[in-house]
């Protein structure tokens, strides 16, 4: 009887490990799907929009507006990655948010210098 309990406990422990491994794989798959759908594709679309707007209608106000919207989008992604506990995605979105914020505020600064807002 004692041997059967030990065998049952071993099988249960192995089952829990398999479930945990499956959950880790599912979690990583969800994280990769999130990165693909909400980071890779929108960044490519944003790059094409900026390229076309700079070719056909090169006004700094339009570029500034797009970068402002993109900065807000990155802040939203940062929050969602934090809530879902995607660590790698959180680091990636933090870096991308800092870079898009730097680009946005640099464009605002250039706009202010061009229109003599700063004195």
PDB file of N, CA and C in Angstrom:
ATOM      1  N   UNK A   1       0.821  -1.191   0.000  1.00  0.00           N
ATOM      2  CA  UNK A   1       0.000   0.000   0.000  1.00  0.00           C
ATOM      3  C   UNK A   1       0.866   1.256   0.000  1.00  0.00           C
ATOM      4  N   UNK A   2       1.939   1.213   0.769  1.00  0.00           N
ATOM      5  CA  UNK A   2       2.830   2.363   0.859  1.00  0.00           C
ATOM      6  C   UNK A   2       3.493   2.640  -0.493  1.00  0.00           C
ATOM      7  N   UNK A   3       3.837   1.591  -1.218  1.00  0.00           N
ATOM      8  CA  UNK A   3       4.460   1.738  -2.530  1.00  0.00           C
ATOM      9  C   UNK A   3       3.510   2.399  -3.517  1.00  0.00           C
ATOM     10  N   UNK A   4       2.227   2.079  -3.460  1.00  0.00           N
ATOM     11  CA  UNK A   4       1.243   2.670  -4.360  1.00  0.00           C
ATOM     12  C   UNK A   4       1.094   4.167  -4.122  1.00  0.00           C
ATOM     13  N   UNK A   5       1.162   4.593  -2.873  1.00  0.00           N
ATOM     14  CA  UNK A   5       1.051   6.024  -2.559  1.00  0.00           C
ATOM     15  C   UNK A   5       2.255   6.775  -3.108  1.00  0.00           C
ATOM     16  N   UNK A   6       3.440   6.196  -2.944  1.00  0.00           N
ATOM     17  CA  UNK A   6       4.641   6.848  -3.475  1.00  0.00           C
ATOM     18  C   UNK A   6       4.569   6.954  -5.001  1.00  0.00           C
ATOM     19  N   UNK A   7       4.103   5.899  -5.629  1.00  0.00           N
ATOM     20  CA  UNK A   7       3.963   5.917  -7.084  1.00  0.00           C
ATOM     21  C   UNK A   7       2.948   6.973  -7.522  1.00  0.00           C
ATOM     22  N   UNK A   8       1.856   7.057  -6.796  1.00  0.00           N
ATOM     23  CA  UNK A   8       0.833   8.057  -7.100  1.00  0.00           C
ATOM     24  C   UNK A   8       1.379   9.474  -6.936  1.00  0.00           C
ATOM     25  N   UNK A   9       2.140   9.699  -5.876  1.00  0.00           N
ATOM     26  CA  UNK A   9       2.728  11.024  -5.635  1.00  0.00           C
ATOM     27  C   UNK A   9       3.718  11.369  -6.739  1.00  0.00           C
ATOM     28  N   UNK A  10       4.520  10.394  -7.158  1.00  0.00           N
ATOM     29  CA  UNK A  10       5.471  10.648  -8.247  1.00  0.00           C
ATOM     30  C   UNK A  10       4.750  11.011  -9.548  1.00  0.00           C
ATOM     31  N   UNK A  11       3.691  10.256  -9.866  1.00  0.00           N
ATOM     32  CA  UNK A  11       2.927  10.555 -11.079  1.00  0.00           C
ATOM     33  C   UNK A  11       2.278  11.931 -10.999  1.00  0.00           C
ATOM     34  N   UNK A  12       1.758  12.264  -9.832  1.00  0.00           N
ATOM     35  CA  UNK A  12       1.143  13.575  -9.645  1.00  0.00           C
ATOM     36  C   UNK A  12       2.171  14.690  -9.796  1.00  0.00           C
ATOM     37  N   UNK A  13       3.361  14.483  -9.234  1.00  0.00           N
ATOM     38  CA  UNK A  13       4.418  15.487  -9.340  1.00  0.00           C
ATOM     39  C   UNK A  13       4.845  15.670 -10.794  1.00  0.00           C
ATOM     40  N   UNK A  14       4.989  14.551 -11.531  1.00  0.00           N
ATOM     41  CA  UNK A  14       5.348  14.648 -12.950  1.00  0.00           C
ATOM     42  C   UNK A  14       4.265  15.370 -13.745  1.00  0.00           C
ATOM     43  N   UNK A  15       3.019  15.078 -13.431  1.00  0.00           N
ATOM     44  CA  UNK A  15       1.907  15.737 -14.117  1.00  0.00           C
ATOM     45  C   UNK A  15       1.930  17.243 -13.865  1.00  0.00           C
ATOM     46  N   UNK A  16       2.202  17.639 -12.618  1.00  0.00           N
ATOM     47  CA  UNK A  16       2.274  19.070 -12.301  1.00  0.00           C
ATOM     48  C   UNK A  16       3.417  19.735 -13.050  1.00  0.00           C
ATOM     49  N   UNK A  17       4.553  19.038 -13.168  1.00  0.00           N
ATOM     50  CA  UNK A  17       5.672  19.598 -13.917  1.00  0.00           C
ATOM     51  C   UNK A  17       5.313  19.753 -15.394  1.00  0.00           C
ATOM     52  N   UNK A  18       4.612  18.767 -15.961  1.00  0.00           N
ATOM     53  CA  UNK A  18       4.209  18.860 -17.364  1.00  0.00           C
ATOM     54  C   UNK A  18       3.228  20.003 -17.582  1.00  0.00           C
ATOM     55  N   UNK A  19       2.299  20.181 -16.647  1.00  0.00           N
ATOM     56  CA  UNK A  19       1.336  21.279 -16.753  1.00  0.00           C
ATOM     57  C   UNK A  19       2.056  22.614 -16.644  1.00  0.00           C
ATOM     58  N   UNK A  20       3.018  22.704 -15.717  1.00  0.00           N
ATOM     59  CA  UNK A  20       3.777  23.943 -15.559  1.00  0.00           C
ATOM     60  C   UNK A  20       4.581  24.235 -16.818  1.00  0.00           C
ATOM     61  N   UNK A  21       5.198  23.213 -17.392  1.00  0.00           N
ATOM     62  CA  UNK A  21       5.951  23.389 -18.627  1.00  0.00           C
ATOM     63  C   UNK A  21       5.032  23.829 -19.755  1.00  0.00           C
ATOM     64  N   UNK A  22       3.850  23.234 -19.838  1.00  0.00           N
ATOM     65  CA  UNK A  22       2.896  23.622 -20.869  1.00  0.00           C
ATOM     66  C   UNK A  22       2.440  25.066 -20.658  1.00  0.00           C
ATOM     67  N   UNK A  23       2.233  25.453 -19.408  1.00  0.00           N
ATOM     68  CA  UNK A  23       1.823  26.823 -19.130  1.00  0.00           C
ATOM     69  C   UNK A  23       2.921  27.807 -19.503  1.00  0.00           C
ATOM     70  N   UNK A  24       4.198  27.451 -19.256  1.00  0.00           N
ATOM     71  CA  UNK A  24       5.299  28.322 -19.656  1.00  0.00           C
ATOM     72  C   UNK A  24       5.343  28.471 -21.174  1.00  0.00           C
ATOM     73  N   UNK A  25       5.140  27.363 -21.883  1.00  0.00           N
ATOM     74  CA  UNK A  25       5.146  27.430 -23.346  1.00  0.00           C
ATOM     75  C   UNK A  25       3.968  28.252 -23.857  1.00  0.00           C
ATOM     76  N   UNK A  26       2.813  28.085 -23.250  1.00  0.00           N
ATOM     77  CA  UNK A  26       1.649  28.886 -23.637  1.00  0.00           C
ATOM     78  C   UNK A  26       1.887  30.363 -23.355  1.00  0.00           C
ATOM     79  N   UNK A  27       2.502  30.647 -22.210  1.00  0.00           N
ATOM     80  CA  UNK A  27       2.790  32.032 -21.838  1.00  0.00           C
ATOM     81  C   UNK A  27       3.757  32.665 -22.835  1.00  0.00           C
ATOM     82  N   UNK A  28       4.808  31.931 -23.195  1.00  0.00           N
ATOM     83  CA  UNK A  28       5.767  32.454 -24.173  1.00  0.00           C
ATOM     84  C   UNK A  28       5.116  32.648 -25.535  1.00  0.00           C
ATOM     85  N   UNK A  29       4.231  31.736 -25.909  1.00  0.00           N
ATOM     86  CA  UNK A  29       3.527  31.874 -27.184  1.00  0.00           C
ATOM     87  C   UNK A  29       2.615  33.090 -27.170  1.00  0.00           C
ATOM     88  N   UNK A  30       1.930  33.321 -26.060  1.00  0.00           N
ATOM     89  CA  UNK A  30       1.086  34.510 -25.944  1.00  0.00           C
ATOM     90  C   UNK A  30       1.927  35.777 -26.015  1.00  0.00           C
ATOM     91  N   UNK A  31       3.098  35.757 -25.376  1.00  0.00           N
ATOM     92  CA  UNK A  31       3.982  36.916 -25.406  1.00  0.00           C
ATOM     93  C   UNK A  31       4.472  37.187 -26.825  1.00  0.00           C
ATOM     94  N   UNK A  32       4.863  36.149 -27.543  1.00  0.00           N
ATOM     95  CA  UNK A  32       5.321  36.331 -28.925  1.00  0.00           C
ATOM     96  C   UNK A  32       4.195  36.821 -29.828  1.00  0.00           C
ATOM     97  N   UNK A  33       2.989  36.292 -29.640  1.00  0.00           N
ATOM     98  CA  UNK A  33       1.843  36.774 -30.420  1.00  0.00           C
ATOM     99  C   UNK A  33       1.559  38.237 -30.116  1.00  0.00           C
ATOM    100  N   UNK A  34       1.652  38.625 -28.851  1.00  0.00           N
ATOM    101  CA  UNK A  34       1.447  40.020 -28.458  1.00  0.00           C
ATOM    102  C   UNK A  34       2.483  40.922 -29.119  1.00  0.00           C
ATOM    103  N   UNK A  35       3.754  40.500 -29.081  1.00  0.00           N
ATOM    104  CA  UNK A  35       4.810  41.302 -29.703  1.00  0.00           C
ATOM    105  C   UNK A  35       4.590  41.433 -31.207  1.00  0.00           C
ATOM    106  N   UNK A  36       4.194  40.348 -31.846  1.00  0.00           N
ATOM    107  CA  UNK A  36       3.997  40.397 -33.293  1.00  0.00           C
ATOM    108  C   UNK A  36       2.828  41.304 -33.654  1.00  0.00           C
ATOM    109  N   UNK A  37       1.695  41.135 -32.961  1.00  0.00           N
ATOM    110  CA  UNK A  37       0.486  41.883 -33.319  1.00  0.00           C
ATOM    111  C   UNK A  37       0.544  43.348 -32.901  1.00  0.00           C
ATOM    112  N   UNK A  38       1.165  43.651 -31.769  1.00  0.00           N
ATOM    113  CA  UNK A  38       1.089  45.009 -31.245  1.00  0.00           C
ATOM    114  C   UNK A  38       2.393  45.783 -31.298  1.00  0.00           C
ATOM    115  N   UNK A  39       3.502  45.144 -31.677  1.00  0.00           N
ATOM    116  CA  UNK A  39       4.764  45.877 -31.787  1.00  0.00           C
ATOM    117  C   UNK A  39       5.297  45.823 -33.211  1.00  0.00           C
ATOM    118  N   UNK A  40       5.501  44.638 -33.751  1.00  0.00           N
ATOM    119  CA  UNK A  40       6.144  44.527 -35.065  1.00  0.00           C
ATOM    120  C   UNK A  40       5.302  45.128 -36.185  1.00  0.00           C
ATOM    121  N   UNK A  41       4.063  44.711 -36.292  1.00  0.00           N
ATOM    122  CA  UNK A  41       3.210  45.194 -37.384  1.00  0.00           C
ATOM    123  C   UNK A  41       2.924  46.694 -37.269  1.00  0.00           C
ATOM    124  N   UNK A  42       2.533  47.227 -36.102  1.00  0.00           N
ATOM    125  CA  UNK A  42       2.301  48.679 -36.024  1.00  0.00           C
ATOM    126  C   UNK A  42       3.557  49.516 -36.276  1.00  0.00           C
ATOM    127  N   UNK A  43       4.731  49.007 -35.885  1.00  0.00           N
ATOM    128  CA  UNK A  43       5.953  49.760 -36.148  1.00  0.00           C
ATOM    129  C   UNK A  43       6.230  49.838 -37.645  1.00  0.00           C
ATOM    130  N   UNK A  44       5.996  48.754 -38.362  1.00  0.00           N
ATOM    131  CA  UNK A  44       6.176  48.787 -39.815  1.00  0.00           C
ATOM    132  C   UNK A  44       5.176  49.734 -40.473  1.00  0.00           C
ATOM    133  N   UNK A  45       3.932  49.688 -40.030  1.00  0.00           N
ATOM    134  CA  UNK A  45       2.914  50.592 -40.574  1.00  0.00           C
ATOM    135  C   UNK A  45       3.273  52.039 -40.269  1.00  0.00           C
ATOM    136  N   UNK A  46       3.739  52.303 -39.041  1.00  0.00           N
ATOM    137  CA  UNK A  46       4.140  53.660 -38.668  1.00  0.00           C
ATOM    138  C   UNK A  46       5.301  54.145 -39.531  1.00  0.00           C
ATOM    139  N   UNK A  47       6.275  53.278 -39.773  1.00  0.00           N
ATOM    140  CA  UNK A  47       7.417  53.669 -40.602  1.00  0.00           C
ATOM    141  C   UNK A  47       6.979  54.012 -42.022  1.00  0.00           C
ATOM    142  N   UNK A  48       6.066  53.241 -42.578  1.00  0.00           N
ATOM    143  CA  UNK A  48       5.575  53.518 -43.935  1.00  0.00           C
ATOM    144  C   UNK A  48       4.795  54.831 -43.956  1.00  0.00           C
ATOM    145  N   UNK A  49       3.965  55.075 -42.948  1.00  0.00           N
ATOM    146  CA  UNK A  49       3.194  56.327 -42.883  1.00  0.00           C
ATOM    147  C   UNK A  49       4.123  57.525 -42.777  1.00  0.00           C
ATOM    148  N   UNK A  50       5.140  57.448 -41.919  1.00  0.00           N
ATOM    149  CA  UNK A  50       6.096  58.554 -41.779  1.00  0.00           C
ATOM    150  C   UNK A  50       6.862  58.760 -43.082  1.00  0.00           C
ATOM    151  N   UNK A  51       7.276  57.680 -43.720  1.00  0.00           N
ATOM    152  CA  UNK A  51       7.990  57.791 -44.992  1.00  0.00           C
ATOM    153  C   UNK A  51       7.138  58.482 -46.042  1.00  0.00           C
ATOM    154  N   UNK A  52       5.901  58.032 -46.198  1.00  0.00           N
ATOM    155  CA  UNK A  52       5.025  58.624 -47.211  1.00  0.00           C
ATOM    156  C   UNK A  52       4.659  60.070 -46.878  1.00  0.00           C
ATOM    157  N   UNK A  53       4.438  60.361 -45.604  1.00  0.00           N
ATOM    158  CA  UNK A  53       4.091  61.743 -45.244  1.00  0.00           C
ATOM    159  C   UNK A  53       5.274  62.682 -45.430  1.00  0.00           C
ATOM    160  N   UNK A  54       6.492  62.198 -45.207  1.00  0.00           N
ATOM    161  CA  UNK A  54       7.660  63.052 -45.433  1.00  0.00           C
ATOM    162  C   UNK A  54       7.959  63.226 -46.919  1.00  0.00           C
ATOM    163  N   UNK A  55       7.608  62.256 -47.732  1.00  0.00           N
ATOM    164  CA  UNK A  55       7.837  62.383 -49.175  1.00  0.00           C
ATOM    165  C   UNK A  55       6.825  63.333 -49.803  1.00  0.00           C
ATOM    166  N   UNK A  56       5.546  63.143 -49.494  1.00  0.00           N
ATOM    167  CA  UNK A  56       4.502  63.888 -50.183  1.00  0.00           C
ATOM    168  C   UNK A  56       4.071  65.174 -49.480  1.00  0.00           C
ATOM    169  N   UNK A  57       4.196  65.234 -48.171  1.00  0.00           N
ATOM    170  CA  UNK A  57       3.710  66.412 -47.441  1.00  0.00           C
ATOM    171  C   UNK A  57       4.627  66.630 -46.250  1.00  0.00           C
ATOM    172  N   UNK A  58       5.758  67.250 -46.502  1.00  0.00           N
ATOM    173  CA  UNK A  58       6.800  67.334 -45.473  1.00  0.00           C
ATOM    174  C   UNK A  58       6.640  68.582 -44.609  1.00  0.00           C
ATOM    175  N   UNK A  59       5.659  68.550 -43.735  1.00  0.00           N
ATOM    176  CA  UNK A  59       5.494  69.611 -42.743  1.00  0.00           C
ATOM    177  C   UNK A  59       5.809  69.025 -41.378  1.00  0.00           C
ATOM    178  N   UNK A  60       6.487  69.803 -40.564  1.00  0.00           N
ATOM    179  CA  UNK A  60       6.920  69.295 -39.265  1.00  0.00           C
ATOM    180  C   UNK A  60       5.739  69.067 -38.324  1.00  0.00           C
ATOM    181  N   UNK A  61       4.648  69.792 -38.530  1.00  0.00           N
ATOM    182  CA  UNK A  61       3.479  69.623 -37.660  1.00  0.00           C
ATOM    183  C   UNK A  61       2.869  68.230 -37.849  1.00  0.00           C
ATOM    184  N   UNK A  62       2.822  67.762 -39.089  1.00  0.00           N
ATOM    185  CA  UNK A  62       2.285  66.425 -39.354  1.00  0.00           C
ATOM    186  C   UNK A  62       3.178  65.367 -38.716  1.00  0.00           C
ATOM    187  N   UNK A  63       4.483  65.503 -38.900  1.00  0.00           N
ATOM    188  CA  UNK A  63       5.423  64.553 -38.302  1.00  0.00           C
ATOM    189  C   UNK A  63       5.340  64.588 -36.784  1.00  0.00           C
ATOM    190  N   UNK A  64       5.217  65.789 -36.229  1.00  0.00           N
ATOM    191  CA  UNK A  64       5.106  65.939 -34.778  1.00  0.00           C
ATOM    192  C   UNK A  64       3.835  65.265 -34.261  1.00  0.00           C
ATOM    193  N   UNK A  65       2.749  65.399 -34.989  1.00  0.00           N
ATOM    194  CA  UNK A  65       1.491  64.761 -34.591  1.00  0.00           C
ATOM    195  C   UNK A  65       1.612  63.243 -34.619  1.00  0.00           C
ATOM    196  N   UNK A  66       2.208  62.707 -35.689  1.00  0.00           N
ATOM    197  CA  UNK A  66       2.378  61.255 -35.772  1.00  0.00           C
ATOM    198  C   UNK A  66       3.260  60.726 -34.641  1.00  0.00           C
ATOM    199  N   UNK A  67       4.361  61.430 -34.358  1.00  0.00           N
ATOM    200  CA  UNK A  67       5.238  60.974 -33.285  1.00  0.00           C
ATOM    201  C   UNK A  67       4.573  61.110 -31.919  1.00  0.00           C
ATOM    202  N   UNK A  68       3.730  62.108 -31.737  1.00  0.00           N
ATOM    203  CA  UNK A  68       2.984  62.231 -30.486  1.00  0.00           C
ATOM    204  C   UNK A  68       2.006  61.087 -30.300  1.00  0.00           C
ATOM    205  N   UNK A  69       1.297  60.728 -31.370  1.00  0.00           N
ATOM    206  CA  UNK A  69       0.386  59.581 -31.305  1.00  0.00           C
ATOM    207  C   UNK A  69       1.145  58.279 -31.063  1.00  0.00           C
ATOM    208  N   UNK A  70       2.295  58.166 -31.689  1.00  0.00           N
ATOM    209  CA  UNK A  70       3.105  56.961 -31.518  1.00  0.00           C
ATOM    210  C   UNK A  70       3.651  56.858 -30.097  1.00  0.00           C
ATOM    211  N   UNK A  71       4.021  57.992 -29.519  1.00  0.00           N
ATOM    212  CA  UNK A  71       4.481  58.007 -28.127  1.00  0.00           C
ATOM    213  C   UNK A  71       3.354  57.576 -27.193  1.00  0.00           C
ATOM    214  N   UNK A  72       2.147  58.066 -27.429  1.00  0.00           N
ATOM    215  CA  UNK A  72       0.995  57.660 -26.613  1.00  0.00           C
ATOM    216  C   UNK A  72       0.713  56.166 -26.794  1.00  0.00           C
ATOM    217  N   UNK A  73       0.830  55.668 -28.012  1.00  0.00           N
ATOM    218  CA  UNK A  73       0.642  54.235 -28.273  1.00  0.00           C
ATOM    219  C   UNK A  73       1.666  53.406 -27.499  1.00  0.00           C
ATOM    220  N   UNK A  74       2.916  53.861 -27.482  1.00  0.00           N
ATOM    221  CA  UNK A  74       3.959  53.140 -26.754  1.00  0.00           C
ATOM    222  C   UNK A  74       3.708  53.149 -25.254  1.00  0.00           C
ATOM    223  N   UNK A  75       3.187  54.254 -24.730  1.00  0.00           N
ATOM    224  CA  UNK A  75       2.844  54.285 -23.306  1.00  0.00           C
ATOM    225  C   UNK A  75       1.742  53.271 -22.996  1.00  0.00           C
ATOM    226  N   UNK A  76       0.766  53.163 -23.873  1.00  0.00           N
ATOM    227  CA  UNK A  76      -0.286  52.163 -23.692  1.00  0.00           C
ATOM    228  C   UNK A  76       0.260  50.748 -23.744  1.00  0.00           C
ATOM    229  N   UNK A  77       1.167  50.485 -24.688  1.00  0.00           N
ATOM    230  CA  UNK A  77       1.791  49.162 -24.769  1.00  0.00           C
ATOM    231  C   UNK A  77       2.601  48.849 -23.520  1.00  0.00           C
ATOM    232  N   UNK A  78       3.284  49.856 -23.001  1.00  0.00           N
ATOM    233  CA  UNK A  78       4.068  49.669 -21.780  1.00  0.00           C
ATOM    234  C   UNK A  78       3.166  49.257 -20.625  1.00  0.00           C
ATOM    235  N   UNK A  79       2.018  49.898 -20.512  1.00  0.00           N
ATOM    236  CA  UNK A  79       1.072  49.563 -19.448  1.00  0.00           C
ATOM    237  C   UNK A  79       0.519  48.149 -19.622  1.00  0.00           C
ATOM    238  N   UNK A  80       0.139  47.792 -20.843  1.00  0.00           N
ATOM    239  CA  UNK A  80      -0.423  46.456 -21.091  1.00  0.00           C
ATOM    240  C   UNK A  80       0.621  45.370 -20.826  1.00  0.00           C
ATOM    241  N   UNK A  81       1.872  45.602 -21.244  1.00  0.00           N
ATOM    242  CA  UNK A  81       2.930  44.620 -20.983  1.00  0.00           C
ATOM    243  C   UNK A  81       3.186  44.484 -19.484  1.00  0.00           C
ATOM    244  N   UNK A  82       3.048  45.583 -18.743  1.00  0.00           N
ATOM    245  CA  UNK A  82       3.215  45.529 -17.288  1.00  0.00           C
ATOM    246  C   UNK A  82       2.086  44.739 -16.638  1.00  0.00           C
ATOM    247  N   UNK A  83       0.866  44.966 -17.079  1.00  0.00           N
ATOM    248  CA  UNK A  83      -0.286  44.275 -16.495  1.00  0.00           C
ATOM    249  C   UNK A  83      -0.240  42.777 -16.796  1.00  0.00           C
ATOM    250  N   UNK A  84       0.179  42.409 -17.992  1.00  0.00           N
ATOM    251  CA  UNK A  84       0.212  40.992 -18.379  1.00  0.00           C
ATOM    252  C   UNK A  84       1.476  40.271 -17.910  1.00  0.00           C
ATOM    253  N   UNK A  85       2.404  40.965 -17.276  1.00  0.00           N
ATOM    254  CA  UNK A  85       3.652  40.402 -16.740  1.00  0.00           C
ATOM    255  C   UNK A  85       4.541  39.817 -17.835  1.00  0.00           C
ATOM    256  N   UNK A  86       4.587  40.481 -18.990  1.00  0.00           N
ATOM    257  CA  UNK A  86       5.503  40.087 -20.055  1.00  0.00           C
ATOM    258  C   UNK A  86       6.819  40.821 -19.809  1.00  0.00           C
ATOM    259  N   UNK A  87       7.780  40.159 -19.175  1.00  0.00           N
ATOM    260  CA  UNK A  87       9.008  40.838 -18.754  1.00  0.00           C
ATOM    261  C   UNK A  87       9.844  41.302 -19.939  1.00  0.00           C
ATOM    262  N   UNK A  88      10.062  40.415 -20.898  1.00  0.00           N
ATOM    263  CA  UNK A  88      10.876  40.787 -22.055  1.00  0.00           C
ATOM    264  C   UNK A  88      10.198  41.892 -22.860  1.00  0.00           C
ATOM    265  N   UNK A  89       8.895  41.782 -23.026  1.00  0.00           N
ATOM    266  CA  UNK A  89       8.142  42.794 -23.757  1.00  0.00           C
ATOM    267  C   UNK A  89       8.122  44.107 -22.992  1.00  0.00           C
ATOM    268  N   UNK A  90       8.085  44.036 -21.673  1.00  0.00           N
ATOM    269  CA  UNK A  90       8.110  45.246 -20.854  1.00  0.00           C
ATOM    270  C   UNK A  90       9.413  46.003 -21.050  1.00  0.00           C
ATOM    271  N   UNK A  91      10.528  45.300 -21.055  1.00  0.00           N
ATOM    272  CA  UNK A  91      11.824  45.950 -21.283  1.00  0.00           C
ATOM    273  C   UNK A  91      11.880  46.534 -22.693  1.00  0.00           C
ATOM    274  N   UNK A  92      11.417  45.764 -23.672  1.00  0.00           N
ATOM    275  CA  UNK A  92      11.398  46.236 -25.057  1.00  0.00           C
ATOM    276  C   UNK A  92      10.538  47.484 -25.209  1.00  0.00           C
ATOM    277  N   UNK A  93       9.337  47.469 -24.641  1.00  0.00           N
ATOM    278  CA  UNK A  93       8.453  48.630 -24.778  1.00  0.00           C
ATOM    279  C   UNK A  93       8.963  49.824 -23.982  1.00  0.00           C
ATOM    280  N   UNK A  94       9.660  49.585 -22.871  1.00  0.00           N
ATOM    281  CA  UNK A  94      10.245  50.704 -22.121  1.00  0.00           C
ATOM    282  C   UNK A  94      11.312  51.406 -22.961  1.00  0.00           C
ATOM    283  N   UNK A  95      12.163  50.629 -23.615  1.00  0.00           N
ATOM    284  CA  UNK A  95      13.195  51.213 -24.480  1.00  0.00           C
ATOM    285  C   UNK A  95      12.555  51.942 -25.658  1.00  0.00           C
ATOM    286  N   UNK A  96      11.566  51.321 -26.280  1.00  0.00           N
ATOM    287  CA  UNK A  96      10.906  51.950 -27.425  1.00  0.00           C
ATOM    288  C   UNK A  96      10.140  53.209 -27.016  1.00  0.00           C
ATOM    289  N   UNK A  97       9.558  53.210 -25.819  1.00  0.00           N
ATOM    290  CA  UNK A  97       8.860  54.399 -25.333  1.00  0.00           C
ATOM    291  C   UNK A  97       9.843  55.535 -25.094  1.00  0.00           C
ATOM    292  N   UNK A  98      10.990  55.228 -24.505  1.00  0.00           N
ATOM    293  CA  UNK A  98      12.006  56.267 -24.299  1.00  0.00           C
ATOM    294  C   UNK A  98      12.499  56.830 -25.630  1.00  0.00           C
ATOM    295  N   UNK A  99      12.730  55.964 -26.599  1.00  0.00           N
ATOM    296  CA  UNK A  99      13.212  56.434 -27.903  1.00  0.00           C
ATOM    297  C   UNK A  99      12.158  57.251 -28.646  1.00  0.00           C
ATOM    298  N   UNK A 100      10.915  56.792 -28.630  1.00  0.00           N
ATOM    299  CA  UNK A 100       9.870  57.556 -29.318  1.00  0.00           C
ATOM    300  C   UNK A 100       9.582  58.859 -28.584  1.00  0.00           C
ATOM    301  N   UNK A 101       9.686  58.856 -27.260  1.00  0.00           N
ATOM    302  CA  UNK A 101       9.530  60.103 -26.498  1.00  0.00           C
ATOM    303  C   UNK A 101      10.650  61.079 -26.800  1.00  0.00           C
ATOM    304  N   UNK A 102      11.875  60.577 -26.902  1.00  0.00           N
ATOM    305  CA  UNK A 102      13.002  61.445 -27.249  1.00  0.00           C
ATOM    306  C   UNK A 102      12.819  62.040 -28.644  1.00  0.00           C
ATOM    307  N   UNK A 103      12.357  61.230 -29.590  1.00  0.00           N
ATOM    308  CA  UNK A 103      12.112  61.744 -30.943  1.00  0.00           C
ATOM    309  C   UNK A 103      10.995  62.779 -30.933  1.00  0.00           C
ATOM    310  N   UNK A 104       9.932  62.505 -30.195  1.00  0.00           N
ATOM    311  CA  UNK A 104       8.799  63.432 -30.130  1.00  0.00           C
ATOM    312  C   UNK A 104       9.209  64.766 -29.510  1.00  0.00           C
ATOM    313  N   UNK A 105       9.911  64.724 -28.383  1.00  0.00           N
ATOM    314  CA  UNK A 105      10.294  65.970 -27.725  1.00  0.00           C
ATOM    315  C   UNK A 105      11.393  66.704 -28.492  1.00  0.00           C
ATOM    316  N   UNK A 106      12.227  65.986 -29.240  1.00  0.00           N
ATOM    317  CA  UNK A 106      13.200  66.645 -30.116  1.00  0.00           C
ATOM    318  C   UNK A 106      12.488  67.383 -31.243  1.00  0.00           C
ATOM    319  N   UNK A 107      11.465  66.768 -31.806  1.00  0.00           N
ATOM    320  CA  UNK A 107      10.697  67.431 -32.867  1.00  0.00           C
ATOM    321  C   UNK A 107       9.975  68.658 -32.315  1.00  0.00           C
ATOM    322  N   UNK A 108       9.440  68.559 -31.109  1.00  0.00           N
ATOM    323  CA  UNK A 108       8.802  69.728 -30.486  1.00  0.00           C
ATOM    324  C   UNK A 108       9.830  70.835 -30.275  1.00  0.00           C
ATOM    325  N   UNK A 109      11.030  70.471 -29.835  1.00  0.00           N
ATOM    326  CA  UNK A 109      12.086  71.461 -29.613  1.00  0.00           C
ATOM    327  C   UNK A 109      12.496  72.132 -30.925  1.00  0.00           C
ATOM    328  N   UNK A 110      12.650  71.349 -31.985  1.00  0.00           N
ATOM    329  CA  UNK A 110      13.000  71.917 -33.294  1.00  0.00           C
ATOM    330  C   UNK A 110      11.882  72.827 -33.792  1.00  0.00           C
ATOM    331  N   UNK A 111      10.640  72.417 -33.590  1.00  0.00           N
ATOM    332  CA  UNK A 111       9.503  73.247 -33.971  1.00  0.00           C
ATOM    333  C   UNK A 111       9.523  74.566 -33.197  1.00  0.00           C
ATOM    334  N   UNK A 112       9.813  74.491 -31.903  1.00  0.00           N
ATOM    335  CA  UNK A 112       9.885  75.703 -31.089  1.00  0.00           C
ATOM    336  C   UNK A 112      11.022  76.618 -31.510  1.00  0.00           C
ATOM    337  N   UNK A 113      12.170  76.050 -31.867  1.00  0.00           N
ATOM    338  CA  UNK A 113      13.285  76.872 -32.339  1.00  0.00           C
ATOM    339  C   UNK A 113      12.959  77.533 -33.672  1.00  0.00           C
ATOM    340  N   UNK A 114      12.308  76.795 -34.549  1.00  0.00           N
ATOM    341  CA  UNK A 114      11.974  77.320 -35.871  1.00  0.00           C
ATOM    342  C   UNK A 114      10.966  78.469 -35.784  1.00  0.00           C
ATOM    343  N   UNK A 115      10.034  78.375 -34.865  1.00  0.00           N
ATOM    344  CA  UNK A 115       9.015  79.412 -34.722  1.00  0.00           C
ATOM    345  C   UNK A 115       9.321  80.395 -33.597  1.00  0.00           C
ATOM    346  N   UNK A 116      10.535  80.354 -33.083  1.00  0.00           N
ATOM    347  CA  UNK A 116      11.037  81.269 -32.051  1.00  0.00           C
ATOM    348  C   UNK A 116      10.118  81.308 -30.830  1.00  0.00           C
ATOM    349  N   UNK A 117       9.695  80.152 -30.384  1.00  0.00           N
ATOM    350  CA  UNK A 117       8.855  80.056 -29.189  1.00  0.00           C
ATOM    351  C   UNK A 117       9.705  80.176 -27.934  1.00  0.00           C
ATOM    352  N   UNK A 118      10.948  79.714 -27.989  1.00  0.00           N
ATOM    353  CA  UNK A 118      11.808  79.694 -26.814  1.00  0.00           C
ATOM    354  C   UNK A 118      12.582  80.990 -26.606  1.00  0.00           C
ATOM    355  N   UNK A 119      12.292  81.992 -27.372  1.00  0.00           N
ATOM    356  CA  UNK A 119      12.946  83.271 -27.120  1.00  0.00           C
ATOM    357  C   UNK A 119      13.830  83.763 -28.169  1.00  0.00           C
TER     358      UNK A 119
END
